[in-house]
Amino acid sequence: MTREIVLDTETTGLDPKFGHRIIEIACVEIDDLIPTGRHFHRYIDPERVIDGDAERVHGLSNAFLAGKPRFADAEVADAFLDFVADAPLIAHNAEFDRGFVNHELDRAGRPSLGTERWVDTLSLAQKRFPSLSNSLDALCKRFKISLSEREKHGALIDARLLAGVYLELRGGRECDLELETAVATGICQVVVQANYGARPRPLCPRITEAERLAHEAFVRDDLSGSALWLRVQG
């Protein structure tokens, strides 16, 4: 079983080197390529003004964030580190999120998260789709992941969307198969879940009436009562 954390942040601007800060952070837990439903989410007072361009992207204002905890507070920094523990961290354009997260952890006097722990879904997507747009929006549309609940960028909704994209990139949802292990016999069956429903208009027969009668005669006369076809028809 492999525990992984899908992470996203919203910030006051583009670069922590110029004093920009995290204002929202969210994590979604995946265990063995299955979302567990557990998540971590905090809004954060950045103690500085949010750039206008950034606010237009995520819609978070200084007025909304006034009174929210600071990143260095235990309910953010320590709770975040407890939640992620030693799991790999999945992010889209991971260098951006890693830079902000480690900047905040360093300011708070907490240990940073090593580069080797981060998995960049942007790099994964670029290898798979080298000539296409690989933004989060483009990947959601490509994999038919609904964007209906997303009006603006938000760390929690984006982390959930990214979790779906990551599972697609890893092949976790691609086949829509279930594996059932028959313990008594030791046989592993692949069960295809085809939820298509009945056709609104049945297909026309592709055999002639003469061919159908010939097949019935073959089953009746040559295979006798042991034919499985008779059980299916019954």
C-alpha atoms as a PDB file:
ATOM      1  CA  MET A   1       0.000   0.000   0.000  1.00  0.00           C
ATOM      2  CA  THR A   2       1.462   3.377  -1.051  1.00  0.00           C
ATOM      3  CA  ARG A   3       0.215   6.562   0.609  1.00  0.00           C
ATOM      4  CA  GLU A   4       0.553   9.726  -1.485  1.00  0.00           C
ATOM      5  CA  ILE A   5      -0.513  13.331  -0.928  1.00  0.00           C
ATOM      6  CA  VAL A   6      -1.834  15.541  -3.717  1.00  0.00           C
ATOM      7  CA  LEU A   7      -1.095  19.166  -2.834  1.00  0.00           C
ATOM      8  CA  ASP A   8      -2.040  22.616  -4.110  1.00  0.00           C
ATOM      9  CA  THR A   9      -1.479  26.166  -2.881  1.00  0.00           C
ATOM     10  CA  GLU A  10      -2.767  29.662  -3.583  1.00  0.00           C
ATOM     11  CA  THR A  11      -0.421  32.578  -2.984  1.00  0.00           C
ATOM     12  CA  THR A  12      -0.134  36.367  -2.844  1.00  0.00           C
ATOM     13  CA  GLY A  13       2.054  36.387  -5.971  1.00  0.00           C
ATOM     14  CA  LEU A  14       4.469  34.414  -8.107  1.00  0.00           C
ATOM     15  CA  ASP A  15       7.727  34.159  -6.159  1.00  0.00           C
ATOM     16  CA  PRO A  16       8.533  33.765  -2.457  1.00  0.00           C
ATOM     17  CA  LYS A  17      11.921  35.391  -3.108  1.00  0.00           C
ATOM     18  CA  PHE A  18      10.041  38.680  -3.438  1.00  0.00           C
ATOM     19  CA  GLY A  19       8.215  38.201  -0.165  1.00  0.00           C
ATOM     20  CA  HIS A  20       5.113  36.467  -1.483  1.00  0.00           C
ATOM     21  CA  ARG A  21       3.321  34.084   0.847  1.00  0.00           C
ATOM     22  CA  ILE A  22       0.895  31.147   0.862  1.00  0.00           C
ATOM     23  CA  ILE A  23      -2.726  32.118   1.566  1.00  0.00           C
ATOM     24  CA  GLU A  24      -4.377  28.715   1.055  1.00  0.00           C
ATOM     25  CA  ILE A  25      -3.029  25.181   1.193  1.00  0.00           C
ATOM     26  CA  ALA A  26      -4.838  21.899   0.623  1.00  0.00           C
ATOM     27  CA  CYS A  27      -3.861  18.241   0.530  1.00  0.00           C
ATOM     28  CA  VAL A  28      -5.825  15.197  -0.626  1.00  0.00           C
ATOM     29  CA  GLU A  29      -4.820  11.717   0.502  1.00  0.00           C
ATOM     30  CA  ILE A  30      -4.460   8.797  -1.919  1.00  0.00           C
ATOM     31  CA  ASP A  31      -3.724   5.262  -0.764  1.00  0.00           C
ATOM     32  CA  ASP A  32      -2.696   2.666  -3.350  1.00  0.00           C
ATOM     33  CA  LEU A  33      -4.048   4.938  -6.125  1.00  0.00           C
ATOM     34  CA  ILE A  34      -7.453   5.241  -4.422  1.00  0.00           C
ATOM     35  CA  PRO A  35      -8.643   8.555  -2.876  1.00  0.00           C
ATOM     36  CA  THR A  36      -9.391   7.939   0.807  1.00  0.00           C
ATOM     37  CA  GLY A  37     -11.625  10.967   1.332  1.00  0.00           C
ATOM     38  CA  ARG A  38      -9.213  12.455   3.909  1.00  0.00           C
ATOM     39  CA  HIS A  39      -7.915  15.949   3.270  1.00  0.00           C
ATOM     40  CA  PHE A  40      -6.135  18.881   4.910  1.00  0.00           C
ATOM     41  CA  HIS A  41      -7.221  22.462   4.169  1.00  0.00           C
ATOM     42  CA  ARG A  42      -6.333  25.849   5.649  1.00  0.00           C
ATOM     43  CA  TYR A  43      -6.769  29.507   4.745  1.00  0.00           C
ATOM     44  CA  ILE A  44      -3.821  31.594   5.969  1.00  0.00           C
ATOM     45  CA  ASP A  45      -3.249  35.241   6.833  1.00  0.00           C
ATOM     46  CA  PRO A  46      -0.239  36.178   4.671  1.00  0.00           C
ATOM     47  CA  GLU A  47       0.611  39.316   6.695  1.00  0.00           C
ATOM     48  CA  ARG A  48       1.084  41.218   3.454  1.00  0.00           C
ATOM     49  CA  VAL A  49      -0.965  42.631   0.571  1.00  0.00           C
ATOM     50  CA  ILE A  50      -2.157  40.234  -2.144  1.00  0.00           C
ATOM     51  CA  ASP A  51      -1.196  41.223  -5.690  1.00  0.00           C
ATOM     52  CA  GLY A  52      -4.173  42.266  -7.803  1.00  0.00           C
ATOM     53  CA  ASP A  53      -3.357  39.771 -10.576  1.00  0.00           C
ATOM     54  CA  ALA A  54      -3.193  36.920  -8.057  1.00  0.00           C
ATOM     55  CA  GLU A  55      -6.482  37.933  -6.438  1.00  0.00           C
ATOM     56  CA  ARG A  56      -8.201  37.896  -9.823  1.00  0.00           C
ATOM     57  CA  VAL A  57      -7.091  34.269 -10.265  1.00  0.00           C
ATOM     58  CA  HIS A  58      -8.169  32.836  -6.902  1.00  0.00           C
ATOM     59  CA  GLY A  59     -10.617  35.450  -5.626  1.00  0.00           C
ATOM     60  CA  LEU A  60      -9.142  35.526  -2.109  1.00  0.00           C
ATOM     61  CA  SER A  61      -8.852  38.991  -0.543  1.00  0.00           C
ATOM     62  CA  ASN A  62      -6.965  40.392   2.430  1.00  0.00           C
ATOM     63  CA  ALA A  63     -10.327  41.196   4.014  1.00  0.00           C
ATOM     64  CA  PHE A  64     -11.381  37.536   3.816  1.00  0.00           C
ATOM     65  CA  LEU A  65      -8.054  36.316   5.225  1.00  0.00           C
ATOM     66  CA  ALA A  66      -7.922  38.804   8.119  1.00  0.00           C
ATOM     67  CA  GLY A  67      -7.956  36.880  11.384  1.00  0.00           C
ATOM     68  CA  LYS A  68      -7.069  33.536   9.790  1.00  0.00           C
ATOM     69  CA  PRO A  69      -4.115  31.662  11.340  1.00  0.00           C
ATOM     70  CA  ARG A  70      -0.574  32.368  10.199  1.00  0.00           C
ATOM     71  CA  PHE A  71       1.422  29.607   8.547  1.00  0.00           C
ATOM     72  CA  ALA A  72       3.781  29.411  11.535  1.00  0.00           C
ATOM     73  CA  ASP A  73       0.879  28.659  13.894  1.00  0.00           C
ATOM     74  CA  ALA A  74       0.680  25.045  15.060  1.00  0.00           C
ATOM     75  CA  GLU A  75      -2.770  24.599  13.516  1.00  0.00           C
ATOM     76  CA  VAL A  76      -1.200  25.178  10.107  1.00  0.00           C
ATOM     77  CA  ALA A  77       2.502  24.253  10.050  1.00  0.00           C
ATOM     78  CA  ASP A  78       2.428  21.366  12.521  1.00  0.00           C
ATOM     79  CA  ALA A  79      -0.944  20.056  11.379  1.00  0.00           C
ATOM     80  CA  PHE A  80       0.268  20.144   7.764  1.00  0.00           C
ATOM     81  CA  LEU A  81       3.461  18.219   8.574  1.00  0.00           C
ATOM     82  CA  ASP A  82       1.493  15.689  10.619  1.00  0.00           C
ATOM     83  CA  PHE A  83      -0.910  15.140   7.733  1.00  0.00           C
ATOM     84  CA  VAL A  84       1.688  14.677   4.992  1.00  0.00           C
ATOM     85  CA  ALA A  85       4.028  12.677   7.266  1.00  0.00           C
ATOM     86  CA  ASP A  86       6.578  10.909   5.045  1.00  0.00           C
ATOM     87  CA  ALA A  87       4.350  10.463   1.980  1.00  0.00           C
ATOM     88  CA  PRO A  88       5.379  11.526  -1.538  1.00  0.00           C
ATOM     89  CA  LEU A  89       3.879  14.881  -2.565  1.00  0.00           C
ATOM     90  CA  ILE A  90       2.068  15.235  -5.899  1.00  0.00           C
ATOM     91  CA  ALA A  91       1.779  18.732  -7.381  1.00  0.00           C
ATOM     92  CA  HIS A  92       1.228  20.345 -10.782  1.00  0.00           C
ATOM     93  CA  ASN A  93       4.319  22.397 -11.611  1.00  0.00           C
ATOM     94  CA  ALA A  94       5.756  21.090  -8.347  1.00  0.00           C
ATOM     95  CA  GLU A  95       8.671  23.537  -8.339  1.00  0.00           C
ATOM     96  CA  PHE A  96       6.230  26.390  -7.675  1.00  0.00           C
ATOM     97  CA  ASP A  97       4.459  24.724  -4.729  1.00  0.00           C
ATOM     98  CA  ARG A  98       7.677  23.257  -3.327  1.00  0.00           C
ATOM     99  CA  GLY A  99       9.321  26.685  -3.332  1.00  0.00           C
ATOM    100  CA  PHE A 100       6.444  28.298  -1.446  1.00  0.00           C
ATOM    101  CA  VAL A 101       5.928  25.437   1.017  1.00  0.00           C
ATOM    102  CA  ASN A 102       9.607  25.204   1.938  1.00  0.00           C
ATOM    103  CA  HIS A 103       9.848  28.997   2.199  1.00  0.00           C
ATOM    104  CA  GLU A 104       6.986  28.992   4.701  1.00  0.00           C
ATOM    105  CA  LEU A 105       8.394  26.036   6.627  1.00  0.00           C
ATOM    106  CA  ASP A 106      11.789  27.728   6.857  1.00  0.00           C
ATOM    107  CA  ARG A 107      10.193  30.957   8.142  1.00  0.00           C
ATOM    108  CA  ALA A 108       8.286  28.899  10.708  1.00  0.00           C
ATOM    109  CA  GLY A 109      11.415  27.071  11.875  1.00  0.00           C
ATOM    110  CA  ARG A 110      10.179  23.699  10.607  1.00  0.00           C
ATOM    111  CA  PRO A 111      12.070  21.206   8.441  1.00  0.00           C
ATOM    112  CA  SER A 112      11.723  21.599   4.680  1.00  0.00           C
ATOM    113  CA  LEU A 113      10.409  18.862   2.395  1.00  0.00           C
ATOM    114  CA  GLY A 114      13.157  17.373   0.217  1.00  0.00           C
ATOM    115  CA  THR A 115      13.053  17.638  -3.560  1.00  0.00           C
ATOM    116  CA  GLU A 116      13.135  13.843  -3.877  1.00  0.00           C
ATOM    117  CA  ARG A 117       9.696  13.621  -2.252  1.00  0.00           C
ATOM    118  CA  TRP A 118       7.927  15.648  -4.935  1.00  0.00           C
ATOM    119  CA  VAL A 119       6.232  14.244  -8.049  1.00  0.00           C
ATOM    120  CA  ASP A 120       5.455  16.781 -10.782  1.00  0.00           C
ATOM    121  CA  THR A 121       2.298  15.959 -12.735  1.00  0.00           C
ATOM    122  CA  LEU A 122       3.176  18.655 -15.280  1.00  0.00           C
ATOM    123  CA  SER A 123       6.359  16.745 -16.179  1.00  0.00           C
ATOM    124  CA  LEU A 124       4.405  13.465 -16.321  1.00  0.00           C
ATOM    125  CA  ALA A 125       1.840  15.031 -18.641  1.00  0.00           C
ATOM    126  CA  GLN A 126       4.483  16.625 -20.881  1.00  0.00           C
ATOM    127  CA  LYS A 127       6.115  13.240 -21.400  1.00  0.00           C
ATOM    128  CA  ARG A 128       2.775  11.664 -22.293  1.00  0.00           C
ATOM    129  CA  PHE A 129       1.400  14.572 -24.359  1.00  0.00           C
ATOM    130  CA  PRO A 130       4.499  16.413 -25.622  1.00  0.00           C
ATOM    131  CA  SER A 131       2.734  18.499 -28.266  1.00  0.00           C
ATOM    132  CA  LEU A 132      -0.396  19.452 -26.285  1.00  0.00           C
ATOM    133  CA  SER A 133      -1.332  21.953 -23.602  1.00  0.00           C
ATOM    134  CA  ASN A 134      -0.858  20.361 -20.178  1.00  0.00           C
ATOM    135  CA  SER A 135      -2.425  22.889 -17.837  1.00  0.00           C
ATOM    136  CA  LEU A 136      -4.662  21.453 -15.128  1.00  0.00           C
ATOM    137  CA  ASP A 137      -7.739  22.689 -17.017  1.00  0.00           C
ATOM    138  CA  ALA A 138      -6.568  21.118 -20.287  1.00  0.00           C
ATOM    139  CA  LEU A 139      -5.832  17.781 -18.609  1.00  0.00           C
ATOM    140  CA  CYS A 140      -9.213  17.717 -16.862  1.00  0.00           C
ATOM    141  CA  LYS A 141     -10.934  18.259 -20.203  1.00  0.00           C
ATOM    142  CA  ARG A 142      -8.752  15.620 -21.867  1.00  0.00           C
ATOM    143  CA  PHE A 143      -9.572  13.055 -19.199  1.00  0.00           C
ATOM    144  CA  LYS A 144     -13.241  14.150 -18.997  1.00  0.00           C
ATOM    145  CA  ILE A 145     -12.950  15.263 -15.359  1.00  0.00           C
ATOM    146  CA  SER A 146     -15.754  17.714 -14.569  1.00  0.00           C
ATOM    147  CA  LEU A 147     -14.833  21.348 -13.913  1.00  0.00           C
ATOM    148  CA  SER A 148     -18.430  22.302 -13.078  1.00  0.00           C
ATOM    149  CA  GLU A 149     -17.731  23.106  -9.413  1.00  0.00           C
ATOM    150  CA  ARG A 150     -14.768  25.335 -10.189  1.00  0.00           C
ATOM    151  CA  GLU A 151     -15.450  29.025 -10.748  1.00  0.00           C
ATOM    152  CA  LYS A 152     -11.992  30.257  -9.688  1.00  0.00           C
ATOM    153  CA  HIS A 153      -8.764  28.581  -8.696  1.00  0.00           C
ATOM    154  CA  GLY A 154      -8.916  27.210  -5.156  1.00  0.00           C
ATOM    155  CA  ALA A 155      -6.417  24.967  -3.403  1.00  0.00           C
ATOM    156  CA  LEU A 156      -8.879  22.299  -2.256  1.00  0.00           C
ATOM    157  CA  ILE A 157     -10.894  21.983  -5.470  1.00  0.00           C
ATOM    158  CA  ASP A 158      -7.689  22.057  -7.525  1.00  0.00           C
ATOM    159  CA  ALA A 159      -6.096  19.371  -5.339  1.00  0.00           C
ATOM    160  CA  ARG A 160      -9.156  17.167  -5.880  1.00  0.00           C
ATOM    161  CA  LEU A 161      -9.073  17.775  -9.630  1.00  0.00           C
ATOM    162  CA  LEU A 162      -5.347  17.075  -9.699  1.00  0.00           C
ATOM    163  CA  ALA A 163      -5.889  13.816  -7.822  1.00  0.00           C
ATOM    164  CA  GLY A 164      -8.189  12.701 -10.647  1.00  0.00           C
ATOM    165  CA  VAL A 165      -5.642  13.772 -13.262  1.00  0.00           C
ATOM    166  CA  TYR A 166      -2.832  11.988 -11.419  1.00  0.00           C
ATOM    167  CA  LEU A 167      -4.824   8.755 -11.292  1.00  0.00           C
ATOM    168  CA  GLU A 168      -5.403   9.017 -15.045  1.00  0.00           C
ATOM    169  CA  LEU A 169      -1.711   9.651 -15.690  1.00  0.00           C
ATOM    170  CA  ARG A 170      -0.861   6.606 -13.582  1.00  0.00           C
ATOM    171  CA  GLY A 171      -3.543   4.496 -15.268  1.00  0.00           C
ATOM    172  CA  GLY A 172      -5.499   4.139 -12.026  1.00  0.00           C
ATOM    173  CA  ARG A 173      -8.915   4.915 -13.597  1.00  0.00           C
ATOM    174  CA  GLU A 174      -8.163   4.273 -17.237  1.00  0.00           C
ATOM    175  CA  CYS A 175      -9.604   0.790 -17.751  1.00  0.00           C
ATOM    176  CA  ASP A 176     -12.576   0.867 -15.365  1.00  0.00           C
ATOM    177  CA  LEU A 177     -11.868  -2.724 -14.343  1.00  0.00           C
ATOM    178  CA  GLU A 178     -12.358  -4.495 -11.035  1.00  0.00           C
ATOM    179  CA  LEU A 179     -10.180  -7.371  -9.953  1.00  0.00           C
ATOM    180  CA  GLU A 180     -11.908 -10.065  -7.906  1.00  0.00           C
ATOM    181  CA  THR A 181      -9.789 -12.758  -6.294  1.00  0.00           C
ATOM    182  CA  ALA A 182     -11.487 -16.101  -5.745  1.00  0.00           C
ATOM    183  CA  VAL A 183      -9.671 -17.204  -2.604  1.00  0.00           C
ATOM    184  CA  ALA A 184     -11.093 -20.712  -2.582  1.00  0.00           C
ATOM    185  CA  THR A 185      -9.824 -21.562  -6.050  1.00  0.00           C
ATOM    186  CA  GLY A 186      -6.911 -19.157  -6.304  1.00  0.00           C
ATOM    187  CA  ILE A 187      -8.303 -17.818  -9.579  1.00  0.00           C
ATOM    188  CA  CYS A 188      -8.153 -14.106 -10.357  1.00  0.00           C
ATOM    189  CA  GLN A 189     -11.039 -12.904 -12.507  1.00  0.00           C
ATOM    190  CA  VAL A 190     -11.203  -9.637 -14.445  1.00  0.00           C
ATOM    191  CA  VAL A 191     -14.726  -8.285 -14.348  1.00  0.00           C
ATOM    192  CA  VAL A 192     -15.497  -5.508 -16.816  1.00  0.00           C
ATOM    193  CA  GLN A 193     -18.046  -3.054 -15.479  1.00  0.00           C
ATOM    194  CA  ALA A 194     -19.935  -1.943 -18.581  1.00  0.00           C
ATOM    195  CA  ASN A 195     -22.616   0.497 -17.522  1.00  0.00           C
ATOM    196  CA  TYR A 196     -23.930   1.338 -20.962  1.00  0.00           C
ATOM    197  CA  GLY A 197     -27.557   0.252 -20.508  1.00  0.00           C
ATOM    198  CA  ALA A 198     -29.851  -1.106 -23.202  1.00  0.00           C
ATOM    199  CA  ARG A 199     -29.606   0.270 -26.717  1.00  0.00           C
ATOM    200  CA  PRO A 200     -32.450   2.674 -27.502  1.00  0.00           C
ATOM    201  CA  ARG A 201     -32.742   1.006 -30.917  1.00  0.00           C
ATOM    202  CA  PRO A 202     -31.717  -2.688 -31.246  1.00  0.00           C
ATOM    203  CA  LEU A 203     -29.174  -3.537 -33.918  1.00  0.00           C
ATOM    204  CA  CYS A 204     -30.476  -5.226 -37.039  1.00  0.00           C
ATOM    205  CA  PRO A 205     -29.531  -8.921 -37.396  1.00  0.00           C
ATOM    206  CA  ARG A 206     -26.369  -9.458 -39.438  1.00  0.00           C
ATOM    207  CA  ILE A 207     -27.211 -13.054 -40.452  1.00  0.00           C
ATOM    208  CA  THR A 208     -29.793 -14.232 -42.889  1.00  0.00           C
ATOM    209  CA  GLU A 209     -32.788 -16.343 -41.917  1.00  0.00           C
ATOM    210  CA  ALA A 210     -31.231 -19.330 -43.704  1.00  0.00           C
ATOM    211  CA  GLU A 211     -28.023 -18.940 -41.663  1.00  0.00           C
ATOM    212  CA  ARG A 212     -30.011 -18.752 -38.426  1.00  0.00           C
ATOM    213  CA  LEU A 213     -31.934 -21.949 -39.232  1.00  0.00           C
ATOM    214  CA  ALA A 214     -28.711 -23.737 -40.191  1.00  0.00           C
ATOM    215  CA  HIS A 215     -27.141 -22.742 -36.866  1.00  0.00           C
ATOM    216  CA  GLU A 216     -30.159 -23.995 -34.923  1.00  0.00           C
ATOM    217  CA  ALA A 217     -29.990 -27.315 -36.757  1.00  0.00           C
ATOM    218  CA  PHE A 218     -26.256 -27.632 -36.009  1.00  0.00           C
ATOM    219  CA  VAL A 219     -26.768 -26.986 -32.299  1.00  0.00           C
ATOM    220  CA  ARG A 220     -29.767 -29.337 -32.088  1.00  0.00           C
ATOM    221  CA  ASP A 221     -28.440 -32.246 -34.162  1.00  0.00           C
ATOM    222  CA  ASP A 222     -24.641 -32.121 -33.776  1.00  0.00           C
ATOM    223  CA  LEU A 223     -24.210 -30.794 -30.228  1.00  0.00           C
ATOM    224  CA  SER A 224     -27.354 -32.353 -28.745  1.00  0.00           C
ATOM    225  CA  GLY A 225     -28.446 -31.315 -25.268  1.00  0.00           C
ATOM    226  CA  SER A 226     -24.909 -30.555 -23.992  1.00  0.00           C
ATOM    227  CA  ALA A 227     -24.624 -27.293 -25.934  1.00  0.00           C
ATOM    228  CA  LEU A 228     -24.081 -24.238 -23.729  1.00  0.00           C
ATOM    229  CA  TRP A 229     -25.826 -22.164 -26.393  1.00  0.00           C
ATOM    230  CA  LEU A 230     -29.153 -23.743 -25.419  1.00  0.00           C
ATOM    231  CA  ARG A 231     -28.694 -22.608 -21.805  1.00  0.00           C
ATOM    232  CA  VAL A 232     -27.944 -19.046 -22.905  1.00  0.00           C
ATOM    233  CA  GLN A 233     -31.038 -18.978 -25.106  1.00  0.00           C
ATOM    234  CA  GLY A 234     -33.142 -20.353 -22.292  1.00  0.00           C
END
